[in-house]
Amino acid sequence: MDFLNNQLPDEKFYLTDESGEQMAFTFLDLIFHEEQEYLVLLPAEGPYRDEVVILRREKGEGPGEESYADVEEPATLKAVYGIFKERHSDQFVFAD
């Protein structure tokens, strides 16, 4: 996936994984699908900078906390990615 005009939003989104390592992402979209919220992120560094990451937003344990989970259901990933592609067809060139 390439961003047209080579300009990505400047907003970085930092997540900490299970091992305590912080990872930087560029926030691309928040998508509502089947009563769930999904974040579409682009890794800011590393070998997968051209592949979006889709995470489900979940409530955290305390008030005002939230967490993010991998989406393992192929049908959900396909549906959310399809919505993202439709919304951003004028901004990205999609490889698939």
PDB file of N, CA and C in Angstrom:
ATOM      1  N   MET A   1       0.851  -1.166   0.000  1.00  0.00           N
ATOM      2  CA  MET A   1       0.000   0.000   0.000  1.00  0.00           C
ATOM      3  C   MET A   1       0.897   1.228   0.000  1.00  0.00           C
ATOM      4  N   ASP A   2       0.652   2.129  -0.899  1.00  0.00           N
ATOM      5  CA  ASP A   2       1.406   3.383  -0.963  1.00  0.00           C
ATOM      6  C   ASP A   2       0.460   4.542  -0.737  1.00  0.00           C
ATOM      7  N   PHE A   3       0.952   5.550  -0.043  1.00  0.00           N
ATOM      8  CA  PHE A   3       0.170   6.751   0.187  1.00  0.00           C
ATOM      9  C   PHE A   3       0.403   7.697  -0.979  1.00  0.00           C
ATOM     10  N   LEU A   4      -0.647   8.170  -1.601  1.00  0.00           N
ATOM     11  CA  LEU A   4      -0.501   9.099  -2.715  1.00  0.00           C
ATOM     12  C   LEU A   4       0.192  10.364  -2.240  1.00  0.00           C
ATOM     13  N   ASN A   5       1.014  10.938  -3.046  1.00  0.00           N
ATOM     14  CA  ASN A   5       1.777  12.147  -2.745  1.00  0.00           C
ATOM     15  C   ASN A   5       2.796  11.928  -1.619  1.00  0.00           C
ATOM     16  N   ASN A   6       3.002  10.655  -1.211  1.00  0.00           N
ATOM     17  CA  ASN A   6       3.985  10.304  -0.177  1.00  0.00           C
ATOM     18  C   ASN A   6       3.820  11.104   1.107  1.00  0.00           C
ATOM     19  N   GLN A   7       2.595  11.439   1.483  1.00  0.00           N
ATOM     20  CA  GLN A   7       2.369  12.188   2.716  1.00  0.00           C
ATOM     21  C   GLN A   7       1.449  11.393   3.636  1.00  0.00           C
ATOM     22  N   LEU A   8       1.977  11.037   4.780  1.00  0.00           N
ATOM     23  CA  LEU A   8       1.190  10.371   5.803  1.00  0.00           C
ATOM     24  C   LEU A   8       0.855  11.376   6.886  1.00  0.00           C
ATOM     25  N   PRO A   9      -0.242  11.165   7.598  1.00  0.00           N
ATOM     26  CA  PRO A   9      -0.524  12.039   8.737  1.00  0.00           C
ATOM     27  C   PRO A   9       0.630  11.988   9.736  1.00  0.00           C
ATOM     28  N   ASP A  10       0.856  13.077  10.456  1.00  0.00           N
ATOM     29  CA  ASP A  10       1.956  13.146  11.414  1.00  0.00           C
ATOM     30  C   ASP A  10       1.620  12.541  12.769  1.00  0.00           C
ATOM     31  N   GLU A  11       0.394  12.169  12.996  1.00  0.00           N
ATOM     32  CA  GLU A  11      -0.029  11.671  14.300  1.00  0.00           C
ATOM     33  C   GLU A  11       0.522  10.272  14.539  1.00  0.00           C
ATOM     34  N   LYS A  12       1.360  10.127  15.561  1.00  0.00           N
ATOM     35  CA  LYS A  12       1.892   8.818  15.926  1.00  0.00           C
ATOM     36  C   LYS A  12       1.062   8.255  17.077  1.00  0.00           C
ATOM     37  N   PHE A  13       0.896   6.969  17.058  1.00  0.00           N
ATOM     38  CA  PHE A  13       0.108   6.241  18.038  1.00  0.00           C
ATOM     39  C   PHE A  13       1.046   5.197  18.631  1.00  0.00           C
ATOM     40  N   TYR A  14       1.281   5.251  19.932  1.00  0.00           N
ATOM     41  CA  TYR A  14       2.222   4.327  20.571  1.00  0.00           C
ATOM     42  C   TYR A  14       1.478   3.269  21.368  1.00  0.00           C
ATOM     43  N   LEU A  15       1.841   2.030  21.132  1.00  0.00           N
ATOM     44  CA  LEU A  15       1.260   0.905  21.865  1.00  0.00           C
ATOM     45  C   LEU A  15       2.376   0.121  22.523  1.00  0.00           C
ATOM     46  N   THR A  16       2.079  -0.459  23.670  1.00  0.00           N
ATOM     47  CA  THR A  16       3.028  -1.300  24.374  1.00  0.00           C
ATOM     48  C   THR A  16       2.556  -2.743  24.262  1.00  0.00           C
ATOM     49  N   ASP A  17       3.427  -3.622  23.786  1.00  0.00           N
ATOM     50  CA  ASP A  17       3.031  -5.021  23.618  1.00  0.00           C
ATOM     51  C   ASP A  17       3.170  -5.790  24.931  1.00  0.00           C
ATOM     52  N   GLU A  18       2.860  -7.090  24.886  1.00  0.00           N
ATOM     53  CA  GLU A  18       2.856  -7.920  26.089  1.00  0.00           C
ATOM     54  C   GLU A  18       4.217  -7.987  26.769  1.00  0.00           C
ATOM     55  N   SER A  19       5.298  -7.827  26.004  1.00  0.00           N
ATOM     56  CA  SER A  19       6.638  -7.905  26.584  1.00  0.00           C
ATOM     57  C   SER A  19       7.158  -6.547  27.039  1.00  0.00           C
ATOM     58  N   GLY A  20       6.300  -5.520  26.970  1.00  0.00           N
ATOM     59  CA  GLY A  20       6.669  -4.195  27.450  1.00  0.00           C
ATOM     60  C   GLY A  20       7.362  -3.302  26.430  1.00  0.00           C
ATOM     61  N   GLU A  21       7.490  -3.774  25.198  1.00  0.00           N
ATOM     62  CA  GLU A  21       8.124  -2.967  24.154  1.00  0.00           C
ATOM     63  C   GLU A  21       7.112  -2.013  23.536  1.00  0.00           C
ATOM     64  N   GLN A  22       7.540  -0.768  23.374  1.00  0.00           N
ATOM     65  CA  GLN A  22       6.665   0.242  22.783  1.00  0.00           C
ATOM     66  C   GLN A  22       6.874   0.272  21.272  1.00  0.00           C
ATOM     67  N   MET A  23       5.760   0.332  20.532  1.00  0.00           N
ATOM     68  CA  MET A  23       5.809   0.355  19.084  1.00  0.00           C
ATOM     69  C   MET A  23       5.062   1.588  18.593  1.00  0.00           C
ATOM     70  N   ALA A  24       5.604   2.243  17.559  1.00  0.00           N
ATOM     71  CA  ALA A  24       4.990   3.453  17.011  1.00  0.00           C
ATOM     72  C   ALA A  24       4.191   3.114  15.756  1.00  0.00           C
ATOM     73  N   PHE A  25       3.001   3.701  15.668  1.00  0.00           N
ATOM     74  CA  PHE A  25       2.125   3.528  14.522  1.00  0.00           C
ATOM     75  C   PHE A  25       1.609   4.888  14.076  1.00  0.00           C
ATOM     76  N   THR A  26       1.214   4.958  12.828  1.00  0.00           N
ATOM     77  CA  THR A  26       0.481   6.109  12.328  1.00  0.00           C
ATOM     78  C   THR A  26      -0.993   5.723  12.325  1.00  0.00           C
ATOM     79  N   PHE A  27      -1.820   6.530  12.961  1.00  0.00           N
ATOM     80  CA  PHE A  27      -3.258   6.278  13.014  1.00  0.00           C
ATOM     81  C   PHE A  27      -3.859   6.642  11.658  1.00  0.00           C
ATOM     82  N   LEU A  28      -4.594   5.696  11.062  1.00  0.00           N
ATOM     83  CA  LEU A  28      -5.207   5.941   9.760  1.00  0.00           C
ATOM     84  C   LEU A  28      -6.720   6.074   9.817  1.00  0.00           C
ATOM     85  N   ASP A  29      -7.380   5.269  10.663  1.00  0.00           N
ATOM     86  CA  ASP A  29      -8.839   5.317  10.693  1.00  0.00           C
ATOM     87  C   ASP A  29      -9.369   4.568  11.910  1.00  0.00           C
ATOM     88  N   LEU A  30     -10.587   4.910  12.295  1.00  0.00           N
ATOM     89  CA  LEU A  30     -11.356   4.189  13.295  1.00  0.00           C
ATOM     90  C   LEU A  30     -12.627   3.739  12.593  1.00  0.00           C
ATOM     91  N   ILE A  31     -12.858   2.447  12.562  1.00  0.00           N
ATOM     92  CA  ILE A  31     -13.975   1.886  11.804  1.00  0.00           C
ATOM     93  C   ILE A  31     -14.916   1.154  12.754  1.00  0.00           C
ATOM     94  N   PHE A  32     -16.201   1.441  12.631  1.00  0.00           N
ATOM     95  CA  PHE A  32     -17.233   0.748  13.390  1.00  0.00           C
ATOM     96  C   PHE A  32     -17.790  -0.353  12.498  1.00  0.00           C
ATOM     97  N   HIS A  33     -17.785  -1.577  13.007  1.00  0.00           N
ATOM     98  CA  HIS A  33     -18.275  -2.724  12.241  1.00  0.00           C
ATOM     99  C   HIS A  33     -18.885  -3.723  13.218  1.00  0.00           C
ATOM    100  N   GLU A  34     -20.142  -4.071  12.978  1.00  0.00           N
ATOM    101  CA  GLU A  34     -20.865  -5.044  13.795  1.00  0.00           C
ATOM    102  C   GLU A  34     -20.709  -4.771  15.301  1.00  0.00           C
ATOM    103  N   GLU A  35     -21.004  -3.528  15.670  1.00  0.00           N
ATOM    104  CA  GLU A  35     -21.017  -3.069  17.065  1.00  0.00           C
ATOM    105  C   GLU A  35     -19.651  -3.129  17.746  1.00  0.00           C
ATOM    106  N   GLN A  36     -18.586  -3.147  16.978  1.00  0.00           N
ATOM    107  CA  GLN A  36     -17.226  -3.120  17.506  1.00  0.00           C
ATOM    108  C   GLN A  36     -16.473  -1.964  16.853  1.00  0.00           C
ATOM    109  N   GLU A  37     -15.422  -1.501  17.522  1.00  0.00           N
ATOM    110  CA  GLU A  37     -14.566  -0.452  16.972  1.00  0.00           C
ATOM    111  C   GLU A  37     -13.213  -1.055  16.619  1.00  0.00           C
ATOM    112  N   TYR A  38     -12.718  -0.682  15.452  1.00  0.00           N
ATOM    113  CA  TYR A  38     -11.443  -1.198  14.965  1.00  0.00           C
ATOM    114  C   TYR A  38     -10.548  -0.038  14.579  1.00  0.00           C
ATOM    115  N   LEU A  39      -9.284  -0.103  15.009  1.00  0.00           N
ATOM    116  CA  LEU A  39      -8.296   0.885  14.618  1.00  0.00           C
ATOM    117  C   LEU A  39      -7.515   0.342  13.434  1.00  0.00           C
ATOM    118  N   VAL A  40      -7.285   1.204  12.461  1.00  0.00           N
ATOM    119  CA  VAL A  40      -6.429   0.855  11.331  1.00  0.00           C
ATOM    120  C   VAL A  40      -5.171   1.691  11.486  1.00  0.00           C
ATOM    121  N   LEU A  41      -4.055   1.001  11.652  1.00  0.00           N
ATOM    122  CA  LEU A  41      -2.777   1.641  11.941  1.00  0.00           C
ATOM    123  C   LEU A  41      -1.736   1.208  10.916  1.00  0.00           C
ATOM    124  N   LEU A  42      -0.729   2.047  10.744  1.00  0.00           N
ATOM    125  CA  LEU A  42       0.389   1.731   9.875  1.00  0.00           C
ATOM    126  C   LEU A  42       1.656   1.782  10.716  1.00  0.00           C
ATOM    127  N   PRO A  43       2.433   0.688  10.770  1.00  0.00           N
ATOM    128  CA  PRO A  43       3.670   0.725  11.551  1.00  0.00           C
ATOM    129  C   PRO A  43       4.568   1.869  11.075  1.00  0.00           C
ATOM    130  N   ALA A  44       5.112   2.615  12.037  1.00  0.00           N
ATOM    131  CA  ALA A  44       5.954   3.764  11.698  1.00  0.00           C
ATOM    132  C   ALA A  44       7.373   3.341  11.333  1.00  0.00           C
ATOM    133  N   GLU A  45       7.774   2.156  11.764  1.00  0.00           N
ATOM    134  CA  GLU A  45       9.124   1.676  11.526  1.00  0.00           C
ATOM    135  C   GLU A  45       9.090   0.177  11.245  1.00  0.00           C
ATOM    136  N   GLY A  46      10.175  -0.336  10.744  1.00  0.00           N
ATOM    137  CA  GLY A  46      10.314  -1.776  10.583  1.00  0.00           C
ATOM    138  C   GLY A  46       9.957  -2.268   9.198  1.00  0.00           C
ATOM    139  N   PRO A  47      10.038  -3.591   9.027  1.00  0.00           N
ATOM    140  CA  PRO A  47       9.853  -4.180   7.699  1.00  0.00           C
ATOM    141  C   PRO A  47       8.408  -4.201   7.199  1.00  0.00           C
ATOM    142  N   TYR A  48       7.437  -3.920   8.060  1.00  0.00           N
ATOM    143  CA  TYR A  48       6.029  -4.008   7.660  1.00  0.00           C
ATOM    144  C   TYR A  48       5.376  -2.645   7.516  1.00  0.00           C
ATOM    145  N   ARG A  49       6.153  -1.645   7.147  1.00  0.00           N
ATOM    146  CA  ARG A  49       5.635  -0.278   7.050  1.00  0.00           C
ATOM    147  C   ARG A  49       4.621  -0.098   5.923  1.00  0.00           C
ATOM    148  N   ASP A  50       4.503  -1.054   5.022  1.00  0.00           N
ATOM    149  CA  ASP A  50       3.541  -0.948   3.927  1.00  0.00           C
ATOM    150  C   ASP A  50       2.296  -1.797   4.160  1.00  0.00           C
ATOM    151  N   GLU A  51       2.146  -2.349   5.361  1.00  0.00           N
ATOM    152  CA  GLU A  51       1.003  -3.198   5.676  1.00  0.00           C
ATOM    153  C   GLU A  51       0.252  -2.618   6.867  1.00  0.00           C
ATOM    154  N   VAL A  52      -1.052  -2.461   6.715  1.00  0.00           N
ATOM    155  CA  VAL A  52      -1.833  -1.922   7.824  1.00  0.00           C
ATOM    156  C   VAL A  52      -2.015  -2.987   8.899  1.00  0.00           C
ATOM    157  N   VAL A  53      -2.221  -2.508  10.109  1.00  0.00           N
ATOM    158  CA  VAL A  53      -2.525  -3.356  11.257  1.00  0.00           C
ATOM    159  C   VAL A  53      -3.940  -2.985  11.702  1.00  0.00           C
ATOM    160  N   ILE A  54      -4.776  -3.986  11.888  1.00  0.00           N
ATOM    161  CA  ILE A  54      -6.148  -3.757  12.333  1.00  0.00           C
ATOM    162  C   ILE A  54      -6.294  -4.369  13.719  1.00  0.00           C
ATOM    163  N   LEU A  55      -6.687  -3.532  14.681  1.00  0.00           N
ATOM    164  CA  LEU A  55      -6.872  -3.967  16.057  1.00  0.00           C
ATOM    165  C   LEU A  55      -8.277  -3.626  16.530  1.00  0.00           C
ATOM    166  N   ARG A  56      -8.847  -4.507  17.343  1.00  0.00           N
ATOM    167  CA  ARG A  56     -10.163  -4.258  17.940  1.00  0.00           C
ATOM    168  C   ARG A  56      -9.956  -3.475  19.233  1.00  0.00           C
ATOM    169  N   ARG A  57     -10.715  -2.405  19.395  1.00  0.00           N
ATOM    170  CA  ARG A  57     -10.635  -1.606  20.617  1.00  0.00           C
ATOM    171  C   ARG A  57     -11.552  -2.222  21.662  1.00  0.00           C
ATOM    172  N   GLU A  58     -11.007  -2.405  22.865  1.00  0.00           N
ATOM    173  CA  GLU A  58     -11.757  -3.026  23.952  1.00  0.00           C
ATOM    174  C   GLU A  58     -11.649  -2.167  25.197  1.00  0.00           C
ATOM    175  N   LYS A  59     -12.614  -2.301  26.077  1.00  0.00           N
ATOM    176  CA  LYS A  59     -12.568  -1.582  27.350  1.00  0.00           C
ATOM    177  C   LYS A  59     -11.490  -2.198  28.227  1.00  0.00           C
ATOM    178  N   GLY A  60     -10.781  -1.336  28.934  1.00  0.00           N
ATOM    179  CA  GLY A  60      -9.754  -1.808  29.859  1.00  0.00           C
ATOM    180  C   GLY A  60     -10.356  -2.201  31.188  1.00  0.00           C
ATOM    181  N   GLU A  61      -9.497  -2.528  32.106  1.00  0.00           N
ATOM    182  CA  GLU A  61      -9.951  -2.992  33.407  1.00  0.00           C
ATOM    183  C   GLU A  61     -10.460  -1.868  34.289  1.00  0.00           C
ATOM    184  N   GLY A  62      -9.874  -0.683  34.182  1.00  0.00           N
ATOM    185  CA  GLY A  62     -10.288   0.435  35.012  1.00  0.00           C
ATOM    186  C   GLY A  62     -11.096   1.443  34.229  1.00  0.00           C
ATOM    187  N   PRO A  63     -11.687   2.410  34.928  1.00  0.00           N
ATOM    188  CA  PRO A  63     -12.467   3.436  34.237  1.00  0.00           C
ATOM    189  C   PRO A  63     -11.571   4.277  33.317  1.00  0.00           C
ATOM    190  N   GLY A  64     -12.038   4.482  32.112  1.00  0.00           N
ATOM    191  CA  GLY A  64     -11.302   5.288  31.145  1.00  0.00           C
ATOM    192  C   GLY A  64     -10.150   4.558  30.471  1.00  0.00           C
ATOM    193  N   GLU A  65      -9.916   3.314  30.839  1.00  0.00           N
ATOM    194  CA  GLU A  65      -8.851   2.542  30.212  1.00  0.00           C
ATOM    195  C   GLU A  65      -9.396   1.780  29.017  1.00  0.00           C
ATOM    196  N   GLU A  66      -8.527   1.562  28.042  1.00  0.00           N
ATOM    197  CA  GLU A  66      -8.906   0.737  26.907  1.00  0.00           C
ATOM    198  C   GLU A  66      -7.692  -0.075  26.499  1.00  0.00           C
ATOM    199  N   SER A  67      -7.964  -1.166  25.808  1.00  0.00           N
ATOM    200  CA  SER A  67      -6.896  -2.014  25.301  1.00  0.00           C
ATOM    201  C   SER A  67      -7.228  -2.367  23.856  1.00  0.00           C
ATOM    202  N   TYR A  68      -6.283  -2.995  23.202  1.00  0.00           N
ATOM    203  CA  TYR A  68      -6.435  -3.316  21.790  1.00  0.00           C
ATOM    204  C   TYR A  68      -6.058  -4.772  21.584  1.00  0.00           C
ATOM    205  N   ALA A  69      -6.855  -5.470  20.811  1.00  0.00           N
ATOM    206  CA  ALA A  69      -6.635  -6.900  20.596  1.00  0.00           C
ATOM    207  C   ALA A  69      -6.489  -7.190  19.113  1.00  0.00           C
ATOM    208  N   ASP A  70      -5.669  -8.198  18.824  1.00  0.00           N
ATOM    209  CA  ASP A  70      -5.551  -8.664  17.448  1.00  0.00           C
ATOM    210  C   ASP A  70      -6.905  -9.187  16.981  1.00  0.00           C
ATOM    211  N   VAL A  71      -7.160  -9.031  15.706  1.00  0.00           N
ATOM    212  CA  VAL A  71      -8.382  -9.571  15.109  1.00  0.00           C
ATOM    213  C   VAL A  71      -7.987 -10.875  14.422  1.00  0.00           C
ATOM    214  N   GLU A  72      -8.522 -11.978  14.896  1.00  0.00           N
ATOM    215  CA  GLU A  72      -8.131 -13.278  14.371  1.00  0.00           C
ATOM    216  C   GLU A  72      -9.127 -13.849  13.376  1.00  0.00           C
ATOM    217  N   GLU A  73     -10.327 -13.291  13.321  1.00  0.00           N
ATOM    218  CA  GLU A  73     -11.343 -13.814  12.422  1.00  0.00           C
ATOM    219  C   GLU A  73     -11.104 -13.272  11.010  1.00  0.00           C
ATOM    220  N   PRO A  74     -10.784 -14.139  10.039  1.00  0.00           N
ATOM    221  CA  PRO A  74     -10.501 -13.676   8.673  1.00  0.00           C
ATOM    222  C   PRO A  74     -11.649 -12.877   8.058  1.00  0.00           C
ATOM    223  N   ALA A  75     -12.886 -13.256   8.324  1.00  0.00           N
ATOM    224  CA  ALA A  75     -14.022 -12.539   7.745  1.00  0.00           C
ATOM    225  C   ALA A  75     -14.110 -11.116   8.287  1.00  0.00           C
ATOM    226  N   THR A  76     -13.826 -10.939   9.567  1.00  0.00           N
ATOM    227  CA  THR A  76     -13.845  -9.597  10.161  1.00  0.00           C
ATOM    228  C   THR A  76     -12.715  -8.749   9.602  1.00  0.00           C
ATOM    229  N   LEU A  77     -11.517  -9.319   9.508  1.00  0.00           N
ATOM    230  CA  LEU A  77     -10.389  -8.582   8.930  1.00  0.00           C
ATOM    231  C   LEU A  77     -10.708  -8.129   7.508  1.00  0.00           C
ATOM    232  N   LYS A  78     -11.263  -9.040   6.729  1.00  0.00           N
ATOM    233  CA  LYS A  78     -11.594  -8.724   5.337  1.00  0.00           C
ATOM    234  C   LYS A  78     -12.644  -7.612   5.266  1.00  0.00           C
ATOM    235  N   ALA A  79     -13.650  -7.679   6.118  1.00  0.00           N
ATOM    236  CA  ALA A  79     -14.714  -6.670   6.102  1.00  0.00           C
ATOM    237  C   ALA A  79     -14.192  -5.303   6.522  1.00  0.00           C
ATOM    238  N   VAL A  80     -13.406  -5.247   7.594  1.00  0.00           N
ATOM    239  CA  VAL A  80     -12.880  -3.970   8.078  1.00  0.00           C
ATOM    240  C   VAL A  80     -11.900  -3.389   7.060  1.00  0.00           C
ATOM    241  N   TYR A  81     -11.040  -4.229   6.507  1.00  0.00           N
ATOM    242  CA  TYR A  81     -10.091  -3.757   5.503  1.00  0.00           C
ATOM    243  C   TYR A  81     -10.834  -3.259   4.255  1.00  0.00           C
ATOM    244  N   GLY A  82     -11.909  -3.920   3.889  1.00  0.00           N
ATOM    245  CA  GLY A  82     -12.718  -3.482   2.747  1.00  0.00           C
ATOM    246  C   GLY A  82     -13.325  -2.105   2.978  1.00  0.00           C
ATOM    247  N   ILE A  83     -13.818  -1.865   4.190  1.00  0.00           N
ATOM    248  CA  ILE A  83     -14.359  -0.540   4.529  1.00  0.00           C
ATOM    249  C   ILE A  83     -13.255   0.499   4.456  1.00  0.00           C
ATOM    250  N   PHE A  84     -12.086   0.160   4.998  1.00  0.00           N
ATOM    251  CA  PHE A  84     -10.945   1.081   4.954  1.00  0.00           C
ATOM    252  C   PHE A  84     -10.563   1.413   3.516  1.00  0.00           C
ATOM    253  N   LYS A  85     -10.470   0.395   2.663  1.00  0.00           N
ATOM    254  CA  LYS A  85     -10.107   0.619   1.258  1.00  0.00           C
ATOM    255  C   LYS A  85     -11.124   1.517   0.556  1.00  0.00           C
ATOM    256  N   GLU A  86     -12.389   1.289   0.827  1.00  0.00           N
ATOM    257  CA  GLU A  86     -13.446   2.088   0.208  1.00  0.00           C
ATOM    258  C   GLU A  86     -13.356   3.550   0.642  1.00  0.00           C
ATOM    259  N   ARG A  87     -13.137   3.771   1.922  1.00  0.00           N
ATOM    260  CA  ARG A  87     -13.046   5.137   2.462  1.00  0.00           C
ATOM    261  C   ARG A  87     -11.814   5.886   1.957  1.00  0.00           C
ATOM    262  N   HIS A  88     -10.727   5.171   1.716  1.00  0.00           N
ATOM    263  CA  HIS A  88      -9.451   5.822   1.433  1.00  0.00           C
ATOM    264  C   HIS A  88      -8.912   5.521   0.039  1.00  0.00           C
ATOM    265  N   SER A  89      -9.783   5.160  -0.876  1.00  0.00           N
ATOM    266  CA  SER A  89      -9.328   4.842  -2.233  1.00  0.00           C
ATOM    267  C   SER A  89      -8.707   6.042  -2.937  1.00  0.00           C
ATOM    268  N   ASP A  90      -9.026   7.248  -2.481  1.00  0.00           N
ATOM    269  CA  ASP A  90      -8.445   8.446  -3.086  1.00  0.00           C
ATOM    270  C   ASP A  90      -7.117   8.837  -2.444  1.00  0.00           C
ATOM    271  N   GLN A  91      -6.718   8.144  -1.368  1.00  0.00           N
ATOM    272  CA  GLN A  91      -5.477   8.492  -0.664  1.00  0.00           C
ATOM    273  C   GLN A  91      -4.393   7.434  -0.820  1.00  0.00           C
ATOM    274  N   PHE A  92      -4.767   6.182  -1.010  1.00  0.00           N
ATOM    275  CA  PHE A  92      -3.811   5.084  -1.069  1.00  0.00           C
ATOM    276  C   PHE A  92      -3.911   4.332  -2.387  1.00  0.00           C
ATOM    277  N   VAL A  93      -2.808   3.706  -2.755  1.00  0.00           N
ATOM    278  CA  VAL A  93      -2.792   2.758  -3.854  1.00  0.00           C
ATOM    279  C   VAL A  93      -2.660   1.381  -3.202  1.00  0.00           C
ATOM    280  N   PHE A  94      -3.675   0.555  -3.341  1.00  0.00           N
ATOM    281  CA  PHE A  94      -3.703  -0.737  -2.683  1.00  0.00           C
ATOM    282  C   PHE A  94      -3.141  -1.799  -3.604  1.00  0.00           C
ATOM    283  N   ALA A  95      -2.301  -2.686  -3.065  1.00  0.00           N
ATOM    284  CA  ALA A  95      -1.632  -3.710  -3.844  1.00  0.00           C
ATOM    285  C   ALA A  95      -2.552  -4.886  -4.176  1.00  0.00           C
ATOM    286  N   ASP A  96      -3.540  -5.126  -3.355  1.00  0.00           N
ATOM    287  CA  ASP A  96      -4.384  -6.304  -3.604  1.00  0.00           C
ATOM    288  C   ASP A  96      -5.526  -5.862  -4.446  1.00  0.00           C
TER     289      ASP A  96
END
